[in-house]
Each structure stands twice: as structure tokens, then as C-alpha cells.
């Protein structure tokens, strides 16, 4: 595959990922009703699209565009989380993880007790 054809392929993939990101964001918003989750999904996929475009033809304009998406993503995350981007999102995830670990530990202890 020639470099020009590969570059066109990556540009088309980036466009596809960007459009897919809009659809995923709309679907996430419809299913969860949470704007922050929807915007996070959108920003992640737009970041991926920007990096694909940057890989296709690394120019200053494309590098600045990819960097701009990352800056907007960080600012949006900070703004929507009220300055605490990790704590409010990670707390429910960590609580769920701890419940799973507790259930697994209880099953393991029960299994060991039966085998004694």
C-alpha cells in the first residue's frame, strides 16, 4: 500500500471514528441521561480520531488540532466535575470493585471451608 493510500485510509478511519463518537455520545445520553458520561465518551472518541489523523500525515496543524481536543477534554472534565475529576467518578467505581472483591473473598473462604 502506498503512503498516500495509507494516509487516505487513516483519514477515512478518523472520520468514521468521529461520526461513531457522535452516535455513541447520543446513545449514552439517551440510555443514562448523564451528560458527563456522554461527553466523556465523545471526547475519548474525538481524541482517537485526532490521533488517527495525526498518524496519517503528521503536520503542525493536525498536531495542534489533536492537542486542542485534549485541552478541551481536560477543561470539560474539570468543569463538569467541579474541579474534582477523579474523586466523584472513581468513588462509585471503587465501591463496586470493593463489593466484587468482598463477594469473591467470601466465595473463596466458603470454598476453602468445604474442602477442609
C-alpha atoms as a PDB file:
ATOM      1  CA  UNK A   1       0.000   0.000   0.000  1.00  0.00           C
ATOM      2  CA  UNK A   2       1.415   3.367  -0.954  1.00  0.00           C
ATOM      3  CA  UNK A   3       1.895   6.074   1.682  1.00  0.00           C
ATOM      4  CA  UNK A   4      -0.743   8.263   0.019  1.00  0.00           C
ATOM      5  CA  UNK A   5      -3.299   5.434   0.047  1.00  0.00           C
ATOM      6  CA  UNK A   6      -2.480   4.640   3.672  1.00  0.00           C
ATOM      7  CA  UNK A   7      -2.892   8.308   4.576  1.00  0.00           C
ATOM      8  CA  UNK A   8      -6.324   8.400   2.873  1.00  0.00           C
ATOM      9  CA  UNK A   9      -7.314   5.226   4.701  1.00  0.00           C
ATOM     10  CA  UNK A  10      -6.373   6.734   8.073  1.00  0.00           C
ATOM     11  CA  UNK A  11      -8.238   9.952   7.236  1.00  0.00           C
ATOM     12  CA  UNK A  12     -11.356   7.934   6.399  1.00  0.00           C
ATOM     13  CA  UNK A  13     -10.964   5.907   9.597  1.00  0.00           C
ATOM     14  CA  UNK A  14     -10.655   9.142  11.591  1.00  0.00           C
ATOM     15  CA  UNK A  15     -13.846  10.468  10.024  1.00  0.00           C
ATOM     16  CA  UNK A  16     -15.617   7.200  10.789  1.00  0.00           C
ATOM     17  CA  UNK A  17     -14.439   7.261  14.421  1.00  0.00           C
ATOM     18  CA  UNK A  18     -15.586  10.892  14.792  1.00  0.00           C
ATOM     19  CA  UNK A  19     -19.060  10.122  13.426  1.00  0.00           C
ATOM     20  CA  UNK A  20     -19.188   6.976  15.547  1.00  0.00           C
ATOM     21  CA  UNK A  21     -18.308   9.141  18.567  1.00  0.00           C
ATOM     22  CA  UNK A  22     -21.315  11.383  17.945  1.00  0.00           C
ATOM     23  CA  UNK A  23     -23.591   8.366  17.703  1.00  0.00           C
ATOM     24  CA  UNK A  24     -22.152   6.755  20.814  1.00  0.00           C
ATOM     25  CA  UNK A  25     -22.468  10.003  22.771  1.00  0.00           C
ATOM     26  CA  UNK A  26     -26.114  10.343  21.747  1.00  0.00           C
ATOM     27  CA  UNK A  27     -26.805   6.719  22.667  1.00  0.00           C
ATOM     28  CA  UNK A  28     -25.064   7.033  26.036  1.00  0.00           C
ATOM     29  CA  UNK A  29     -27.001  10.212  26.808  1.00  0.00           C
ATOM     30  CA  UNK A  30     -30.269   8.520  25.857  1.00  0.00           C
ATOM     31  CA  UNK A  31     -29.538   5.417  27.938  1.00  0.00           C
ATOM     32  CA  UNK A  32     -28.035   7.034  31.037  1.00  0.00           C
ATOM     33  CA  UNK A  33     -29.386  10.577  30.956  1.00  0.00           C
ATOM     34  CA  UNK A  34     -25.987  11.743  32.238  1.00  0.00           C
ATOM     35  CA  UNK A  35     -24.306  14.448  30.204  1.00  0.00           C
ATOM     36  CA  UNK A  36     -20.884  13.921  31.769  1.00  0.00           C
ATOM     37  CA  UNK A  37     -20.755  10.267  30.758  1.00  0.00           C
ATOM     38  CA  UNK A  38     -21.900  11.140  27.242  1.00  0.00           C
ATOM     39  CA  UNK A  39     -19.334  13.909  26.839  1.00  0.00           C
ATOM     40  CA  UNK A  40     -16.578  11.686  28.178  1.00  0.00           C
ATOM     41  CA  UNK A  41     -17.350   9.051  25.549  1.00  0.00           C
ATOM     42  CA  UNK A  42     -17.493  11.718  22.830  1.00  0.00           C
ATOM     43  CA  UNK A  43     -14.198  13.301  23.853  1.00  0.00           C
ATOM     44  CA  UNK A  44     -12.441   9.944  24.017  1.00  0.00           C
ATOM     45  CA  UNK A  45     -13.535   9.041  20.500  1.00  0.00           C
ATOM     46  CA  UNK A  46     -12.710  12.518  19.156  1.00  0.00           C
ATOM     47  CA  UNK A  47      -9.257  12.143  20.693  1.00  0.00           C
ATOM     48  CA  UNK A  48      -8.876   8.824  18.901  1.00  0.00           C
ATOM     49  CA  UNK A  49      -9.984  10.422  15.625  1.00  0.00           C
ATOM     50  CA  UNK A  50      -7.494  13.256  16.069  1.00  0.00           C
ATOM     51  CA  UNK A  51      -4.670  10.827  16.729  1.00  0.00           C
ATOM     52  CA  UNK A  52      -5.608   8.815  13.641  1.00  0.00           C
ATOM     53  CA  UNK A  53      -5.475  11.978  11.552  1.00  0.00           C
ATOM     54  CA  UNK A  54      -2.136  12.842  13.093  1.00  0.00           C
ATOM     55  CA  UNK A  55      -0.800   9.384  12.216  1.00  0.00           C
ATOM     56  CA  UNK A  56      -1.972   9.789   8.620  1.00  0.00           C
ATOM     57  CA  UNK A  57       0.059  12.915   7.919  1.00  0.00           C
ATOM     58  CA  UNK A  58       1.872  14.420  10.895  1.00  0.00           C
ATOM     59  CA  UNK A  59       1.653  18.150  10.250  1.00  0.00           C
ATOM     60  CA  UNK A  60       1.710  21.036  12.681  1.00  0.00           C
ATOM     61  CA  UNK A  61      -1.961  21.794  12.008  1.00  0.00           C
ATOM     62  CA  UNK A  62      -3.021  18.239  12.783  1.00  0.00           C
ATOM     63  CA  UNK A  63      -0.840  18.143  15.899  1.00  0.00           C
ATOM     64  CA  UNK A  64      -2.409  21.378  17.139  1.00  0.00           C
ATOM     65  CA  UNK A  65      -5.899  20.039  16.406  1.00  0.00           C
ATOM     66  CA  UNK A  66      -5.206  16.829  18.363  1.00  0.00           C
ATOM     67  CA  UNK A  67      -3.729  18.864  21.213  1.00  0.00           C
ATOM     68  CA  UNK A  68      -6.742  21.175  21.151  1.00  0.00           C
ATOM     69  CA  UNK A  69      -9.111  18.245  21.547  1.00  0.00           C
ATOM     70  CA  UNK A  70      -7.092  17.053  24.556  1.00  0.00           C
ATOM     71  CA  UNK A  71      -7.164  20.511  26.157  1.00  0.00           C
ATOM     72  CA  UNK A  72     -10.926  20.848  25.602  1.00  0.00           C
ATOM     73  CA  UNK A  73     -11.416  17.359  27.033  1.00  0.00           C
ATOM     74  CA  UNK A  74      -9.490  18.217  30.183  1.00  0.00           C
ATOM     75  CA  UNK A  75     -11.265  21.565  30.646  1.00  0.00           C
ATOM     76  CA  UNK A  76     -14.687  19.996  30.090  1.00  0.00           C
ATOM     77  CA  UNK A  77     -13.900  17.241  32.570  1.00  0.00           C
ATOM     78  CA  UNK A  78     -12.755  19.711  35.203  1.00  0.00           C
ATOM     79  CA  UNK A  79     -15.754  21.970  34.633  1.00  0.00           C
ATOM     80  CA  UNK A  80     -18.320  19.207  34.761  1.00  0.00           C
ATOM     81  CA  UNK A  81     -16.798  17.571  37.818  1.00  0.00           C
ATOM     82  CA  UNK A  82     -16.451  20.825  39.721  1.00  0.00           C
ATOM     83  CA  UNK A  83     -12.659  20.646  39.900  1.00  0.00           C
ATOM     84  CA  UNK A  84     -12.582  17.041  41.172  1.00  0.00           C
ATOM     85  CA  UNK A  85     -12.230  14.946  38.003  1.00  0.00           C
ATOM     86  CA  UNK A  86     -11.242  11.711  39.696  1.00  0.00           C
ATOM     87  CA  UNK A  87     -12.951  11.585  43.068  1.00  0.00           C
ATOM     88  CA  UNK A  88     -16.587  11.865  42.041  1.00  0.00           C
ATOM     89  CA  UNK A  89     -16.266   9.477  39.145  1.00  0.00           C
ATOM     90  CA  UNK A  90     -13.897   6.987  40.738  1.00  0.00           C
ATOM     91  CA  UNK A  91     -15.733   6.651  44.066  1.00  0.00           C
ATOM     92  CA  UNK A  92     -18.673   4.592  42.705  1.00  0.00           C
ATOM     93  CA  UNK A  93     -16.317   2.507  40.571  1.00  0.00           C
ATOM     94  CA  UNK A  94     -14.062   1.787  43.539  1.00  0.00           C
ATOM     95  CA  UNK A  95     -17.051   0.960  45.745  1.00  0.00           C
ATOM     96  CA  UNK A  96     -18.302  -1.524  43.161  1.00  0.00           C
ATOM     97  CA  UNK A  97     -14.843  -3.036  42.852  1.00  0.00           C
ATOM     98  CA  UNK A  98     -14.622  -3.446  46.617  1.00  0.00           C
ATOM     99  CA  UNK A  99     -18.043  -5.153  46.687  1.00  0.00           C
ATOM    100  CA  UNK A 100     -16.875  -7.558  43.984  1.00  0.00           C
ATOM    101  CA  UNK A 101     -13.665  -8.272  45.840  1.00  0.00           C
ATOM    102  CA  UNK A 102     -15.616  -8.851  49.060  1.00  0.00           C
ATOM    103  CA  UNK A 103     -18.001 -11.262  47.331  1.00  0.00           C
ATOM    104  CA  UNK A 104     -15.083 -13.098  45.714  1.00  0.00           C
ATOM    105  CA  UNK A 105     -13.261 -13.348  49.034  1.00  0.00           C
ATOM    106  CA  UNK A 106     -16.402 -14.703  50.721  1.00  0.00           C
ATOM    107  CA  UNK A 107     -16.854 -17.335  47.983  1.00  0.00           C
ATOM    108  CA  UNK A 108     -13.198 -18.288  48.253  1.00  0.00           C
ATOM    109  CA  UNK A 109     -13.424 -18.619  52.037  1.00  0.00           C
ATOM    110  CA  UNK A 110     -16.563 -20.768  51.716  1.00  0.00           C
ATOM    111  CA  UNK A 111     -14.873 -22.945  49.138  1.00  0.00           C
ATOM    112  CA  UNK A 112     -11.821 -23.446  51.365  1.00  0.00           C
ATOM    113  CA  UNK A 113     -14.029 -24.308  54.344  1.00  0.00           C
ATOM    114  CA  UNK A 114     -15.843 -27.006  52.322  1.00  0.00           C
ATOM    115  CA  UNK A 115     -12.576 -28.596  51.215  1.00  0.00           C
ATOM    116  CA  UNK A 116     -11.161 -28.994  54.739  1.00  0.00           C
END
